[in-house]
Amino acid sequence: MVDEQTPVVVTAAVIERDGRILVTERLQGTHLAGHWEFPGGKCEPGEPVVECLIRELREELDVEVTVGAELLRTTYTYPHRAVELHFFRCELARDPKSMLGQKIRWVRREDLATLRLPPADRELVELLTAEGAGGSRR
C-alpha cells in the first residue's frame, strides 16, 4: 500500500538546445497520460536524485546526460499522491530516441505555457518563461 502522505520523489531534466526545450508525452496507462512533461521519472527507494535522472533518461531516451544545477525543488499534492520534484538543467551527448513509444518535442520557452503539462510543472514553466523573457541563458 502506498503512503499517500509521503511524497514520491521525482526527477526531471530541463534540456535546452537552440532556444528550445525538450518535452515528452506521458504514455497511456500512466498517471496524467497525454500530458507533456520534462523527461525523467521516479526515484527508487534510497536512489540519489542525480543517479535516478541519469538512469531514467537512459531508459526512456537512450541518451547519456550531464546533470547540471538544480533549477527548482518543489512539492505538489495531487488528490491521490504527493510528489517531490527535482528539476535539473542537463545536457545531452546525442539526440534523444523514444525508447517507450512516447512522443518527443522541442518547444520554445514561450510556448511551454500552451502545452498540457502536469500541474506540478507550473512553477518551473513560470521560472523558465521569466528567465527567457529576462534574456537569461538561451
C-alpha atoms as a PDB file:
ATOM      1  CA  MET A   1       0.000   0.000   0.000  1.00  0.00           C
ATOM      2  CA  VAL A   2       1.305   3.462  -0.940  1.00  0.00           C
ATOM      3  CA  ASP A   3       1.525   6.021   1.833  1.00  0.00           C
ATOM      4  CA  GLU A   4      -0.322   8.998   0.335  1.00  0.00           C
ATOM      5  CA  GLN A   5       1.342  11.357   2.839  1.00  0.00           C
ATOM      6  CA  THR A   6       4.936  10.550   1.854  1.00  0.00           C
ATOM      7  CA  PRO A   7       5.810  12.301  -1.407  1.00  0.00           C
ATOM      8  CA  VAL A   8       7.051  10.256  -4.355  1.00  0.00           C
ATOM      9  CA  VAL A   9      10.488  11.634  -5.288  1.00  0.00           C
ATOM     10  CA  VAL A  10      10.661  12.505  -8.988  1.00  0.00           C
ATOM     11  CA  THR A  11      13.485  13.929 -11.079  1.00  0.00           C
ATOM     12  CA  ALA A  12      13.165  15.814 -14.350  1.00  0.00           C
ATOM     13  CA  ALA A  13      15.575  17.272 -16.891  1.00  0.00           C
ATOM     14  CA  VAL A  14      15.438  20.720 -18.411  1.00  0.00           C
ATOM     15  CA  ILE A  15      17.332  20.224 -21.662  1.00  0.00           C
ATOM     16  CA  GLU A  16      17.689  23.257 -23.895  1.00  0.00           C
ATOM     17  CA  ARG A  17      19.147  23.271 -27.378  1.00  0.00           C
ATOM     18  CA  ASP A  18      18.998  26.068 -29.955  1.00  0.00           C
ATOM     19  CA  GLY A  19      16.488  28.008 -27.864  1.00  0.00           C
ATOM     20  CA  ARG A  20      14.113  25.053 -27.494  1.00  0.00           C
ATOM     21  CA  ILE A  21      13.358  22.795 -24.529  1.00  0.00           C
ATOM     22  CA  LEU A  22      12.828  19.040 -24.737  1.00  0.00           C
ATOM     23  CA  VAL A  23       9.476  17.645 -23.595  1.00  0.00           C
ATOM     24  CA  THR A  24       7.977  14.174 -23.861  1.00  0.00           C
ATOM     25  CA  GLU A  25       4.378  12.981 -23.786  1.00  0.00           C
ATOM     26  CA  ARG A  26       3.239  10.764 -20.910  1.00  0.00           C
ATOM     27  CA  LEU A  27       2.170   7.328 -22.099  1.00  0.00           C
ATOM     28  CA  GLN A  28      -1.342   5.909 -21.969  1.00  0.00           C
ATOM     29  CA  GLY A  29      -1.938   3.956 -18.775  1.00  0.00           C
ATOM     30  CA  THR A  30       0.259   6.257 -16.670  1.00  0.00           C
ATOM     31  CA  HIS A  31      -0.703   8.987 -14.203  1.00  0.00           C
ATOM     32  CA  LEU A  32      -1.581  12.101 -16.259  1.00  0.00           C
ATOM     33  CA  ALA A  33      -1.410  10.214 -19.574  1.00  0.00           C
ATOM     34  CA  GLY A  34      -1.339  12.522 -22.573  1.00  0.00           C
ATOM     35  CA  HIS A  35       0.271  15.418 -20.721  1.00  0.00           C
ATOM     36  CA  TRP A  36       3.615  16.764 -21.899  1.00  0.00           C
ATOM     37  CA  GLU A  37       6.402  16.708 -19.323  1.00  0.00           C
ATOM     38  CA  PHE A  38      10.072  17.305 -18.763  1.00  0.00           C
ATOM     39  CA  PRO A  39      11.736  13.888 -19.156  1.00  0.00           C
ATOM     40  CA  GLY A  40      12.711  11.980 -16.032  1.00  0.00           C
ATOM     41  CA  GLY A  41      10.950   9.764 -13.548  1.00  0.00           C
ATOM     42  CA  LYS A  42      10.510   8.299 -10.091  1.00  0.00           C
ATOM     43  CA  CYS A  43      13.426   7.504  -7.830  1.00  0.00           C
ATOM     44  CA  GLU A  44      13.815   4.008  -6.470  1.00  0.00           C
ATOM     45  CA  PRO A  45      13.913   3.832  -2.640  1.00  0.00           C
ATOM     46  CA  GLY A  46      17.269   5.205  -1.475  1.00  0.00           C
ATOM     47  CA  GLU A  47      18.364   6.175  -5.010  1.00  0.00           C
ATOM     48  CA  PRO A  48      20.121   9.573  -5.197  1.00  0.00           C
ATOM     49  CA  VAL A  49      18.210  12.039  -7.381  1.00  0.00           C
ATOM     50  CA  VAL A  50      21.045  12.630  -9.863  1.00  0.00           C
ATOM     51  CA  GLU A  51      21.575   8.878 -10.367  1.00  0.00           C
ATOM     52  CA  CYS A  52      17.821   8.477 -10.849  1.00  0.00           C
ATOM     53  CA  LEU A  53      17.756  11.151 -13.540  1.00  0.00           C
ATOM     54  CA  ILE A  54      20.691   9.600 -15.402  1.00  0.00           C
ATOM     55  CA  ARG A  55      19.026   6.156 -15.257  1.00  0.00           C
ATOM     56  CA  GLU A  56      15.598   7.425 -16.337  1.00  0.00           C
ATOM     57  CA  LEU A  57      16.960   9.372 -19.316  1.00  0.00           C
ATOM     58  CA  ARG A  58      18.997   6.362 -20.438  1.00  0.00           C
ATOM     59  CA  GLU A  59      15.920   4.086 -20.176  1.00  0.00           C
ATOM     60  CA  GLU A  60      13.436   6.490 -21.780  1.00  0.00           C
ATOM     61  CA  LEU A  61      15.545   8.353 -24.355  1.00  0.00           C
ATOM     62  CA  ASP A  62      18.703   6.234 -24.860  1.00  0.00           C
ATOM     63  CA  VAL A  63      20.972   9.169 -24.006  1.00  0.00           C
ATOM     64  CA  GLU A  64      23.943   9.897 -21.830  1.00  0.00           C
ATOM     65  CA  VAL A  65      23.456  13.099 -19.910  1.00  0.00           C
ATOM     66  CA  THR A  66      25.479  15.641 -17.984  1.00  0.00           C
ATOM     67  CA  VAL A  67      23.437  16.779 -14.995  1.00  0.00           C
ATOM     68  CA  GLY A  68      23.957  20.412 -14.065  1.00  0.00           C
ATOM     69  CA  ALA A  69      22.443  22.728 -11.485  1.00  0.00           C
ATOM     70  CA  GLU A  70      19.169  22.015  -9.746  1.00  0.00           C
ATOM     71  CA  LEU A  71      16.796  24.710 -11.009  1.00  0.00           C
ATOM     72  CA  LEU A  72      13.863  24.003  -8.723  1.00  0.00           C
ATOM     73  CA  ARG A  73      12.806  21.668  -5.947  1.00  0.00           C
ATOM     74  CA  THR A  74       9.105  21.713  -5.156  1.00  0.00           C
ATOM     75  CA  THR A  75       6.351  19.542  -3.713  1.00  0.00           C
ATOM     76  CA  TYR A  76       2.912  19.233  -5.270  1.00  0.00           C
ATOM     77  CA  THR A  77      -0.073  17.360  -3.876  1.00  0.00           C
ATOM     78  CA  TYR A  78      -2.465  15.649  -6.290  1.00  0.00           C
ATOM     79  CA  PRO A  79      -5.724  14.153  -4.947  1.00  0.00           C
ATOM     80  CA  HIS A  80      -4.189  10.670  -4.529  1.00  0.00           C
ATOM     81  CA  ARG A  81      -0.459  11.338  -4.197  1.00  0.00           C
ATOM     82  CA  ALA A  82       2.124  13.945  -3.399  1.00  0.00           C
ATOM     83  CA  VAL A  83       5.273  14.381  -5.466  1.00  0.00           C
ATOM     84  CA  GLU A  84       8.587  15.973  -4.568  1.00  0.00           C
ATOM     85  CA  LEU A  85      10.047  17.210  -7.851  1.00  0.00           C
ATOM     86  CA  HIS A  86      13.698  17.935  -8.552  1.00  0.00           C
ATOM     87  CA  PHE A  87      14.288  19.779 -11.840  1.00  0.00           C
ATOM     88  CA  PHE A  88      17.878  19.870 -13.131  1.00  0.00           C
ATOM     89  CA  ARG A  89      19.455  21.644 -16.069  1.00  0.00           C
ATOM     90  CA  CYS A  90      21.007  18.931 -18.270  1.00  0.00           C
ATOM     91  CA  GLU A  91      22.974  18.493 -21.473  1.00  0.00           C
ATOM     92  CA  LEU A  92      22.728  15.511 -23.792  1.00  0.00           C
ATOM     93  CA  ALA A  93      25.644  13.810 -25.509  1.00  0.00           C
ATOM     94  CA  ARG A  94      23.473  12.851 -28.521  1.00  0.00           C
ATOM     95  CA  ASP A  95      19.949  13.215 -29.872  1.00  0.00           C
ATOM     96  CA  PRO A  96      17.214  11.505 -27.843  1.00  0.00           C
ATOM     97  CA  LYS A  97      15.282   8.490 -29.165  1.00  0.00           C
ATOM     98  CA  SER A  98      11.868   7.378 -27.974  1.00  0.00           C
ATOM     99  CA  MET A  99      12.520   4.043 -26.249  1.00  0.00           C
ATOM    100  CA  LEU A 100       8.996   3.604 -24.823  1.00  0.00           C
ATOM    101  CA  GLY A 101       6.940   4.891 -27.746  1.00  0.00           C
ATOM    102  CA  GLN A 102       6.442   8.334 -26.240  1.00  0.00           C
ATOM    103  CA  LYS A 103       6.319  11.430 -28.434  1.00  0.00           C
ATOM    104  CA  ILE A 104       9.237  13.857 -28.198  1.00  0.00           C
ATOM    105  CA  ARG A 105       9.145  17.588 -28.998  1.00  0.00           C
ATOM    106  CA  TRP A 106      11.470  20.559 -28.774  1.00  0.00           C
ATOM    107  CA  VAL A 107       9.474  23.694 -27.865  1.00  0.00           C
ATOM    108  CA  ARG A 108      10.311  27.349 -27.372  1.00  0.00           C
ATOM    109  CA  ARG A 109      10.193  28.638 -23.794  1.00  0.00           C
ATOM    110  CA  GLU A 110       7.343  30.972 -24.633  1.00  0.00           C
ATOM    111  CA  ASP A 111       5.305  28.021 -25.930  1.00  0.00           C
ATOM    112  CA  LEU A 112       5.660  25.912 -22.767  1.00  0.00           C
ATOM    113  CA  ALA A 113       2.618  27.553 -21.189  1.00  0.00           C
ATOM    114  CA  THR A 114       0.458  26.483 -24.162  1.00  0.00           C
ATOM    115  CA  LEU A 115       1.177  22.778 -23.605  1.00  0.00           C
ATOM    116  CA  ARG A 116      -0.938  20.463 -21.486  1.00  0.00           C
ATOM    117  CA  LEU A 117       1.598  19.949 -18.676  1.00  0.00           C
ATOM    118  CA  PRO A 118       1.111  18.392 -15.232  1.00  0.00           C
ATOM    119  CA  PRO A 119       0.038  20.973 -12.627  1.00  0.00           C
ATOM    120  CA  ALA A 120       3.201  20.146 -10.663  1.00  0.00           C
ATOM    121  CA  ASP A 121       5.290  21.615 -13.533  1.00  0.00           C
ATOM    122  CA  ARG A 122       3.556  25.011 -13.494  1.00  0.00           C
ATOM    123  CA  GLU A 123       6.097  26.660 -11.152  1.00  0.00           C
ATOM    124  CA  LEU A 124       9.000  25.555 -13.359  1.00  0.00           C
ATOM    125  CA  VAL A 125       7.288  26.818 -16.523  1.00  0.00           C
ATOM    126  CA  GLU A 126       6.827  30.225 -14.871  1.00  0.00           C
ATOM    127  CA  LEU A 127      10.512  30.248 -13.879  1.00  0.00           C
ATOM    128  CA  LEU A 128      11.709  29.287 -17.373  1.00  0.00           C
ATOM    129  CA  THR A 129       9.385  31.769 -19.076  1.00  0.00           C
ATOM    130  CA  ALA A 130      10.561  34.604 -16.820  1.00  0.00           C
ATOM    131  CA  GLU A 131      14.196  33.564 -17.309  1.00  0.00           C
ATOM    132  CA  GLY A 132      13.738  33.664 -21.093  1.00  0.00           C
ATOM    133  CA  ALA A 133      11.937  36.998 -21.022  1.00  0.00           C
ATOM    134  CA  GLY A 134      14.772  38.471 -18.973  1.00  0.00           C
ATOM    135  CA  GLY A 135      17.316  37.483 -21.563  1.00  0.00           C
ATOM    136  CA  SER A 136      18.995  34.935 -19.309  1.00  0.00           C
ATOM    137  CA  ARG A 137      20.603  31.784 -20.697  1.00  0.00           C
ATOM    138  CA  ARG A 138      19.060  30.987 -24.087  1.00  0.00           C
END
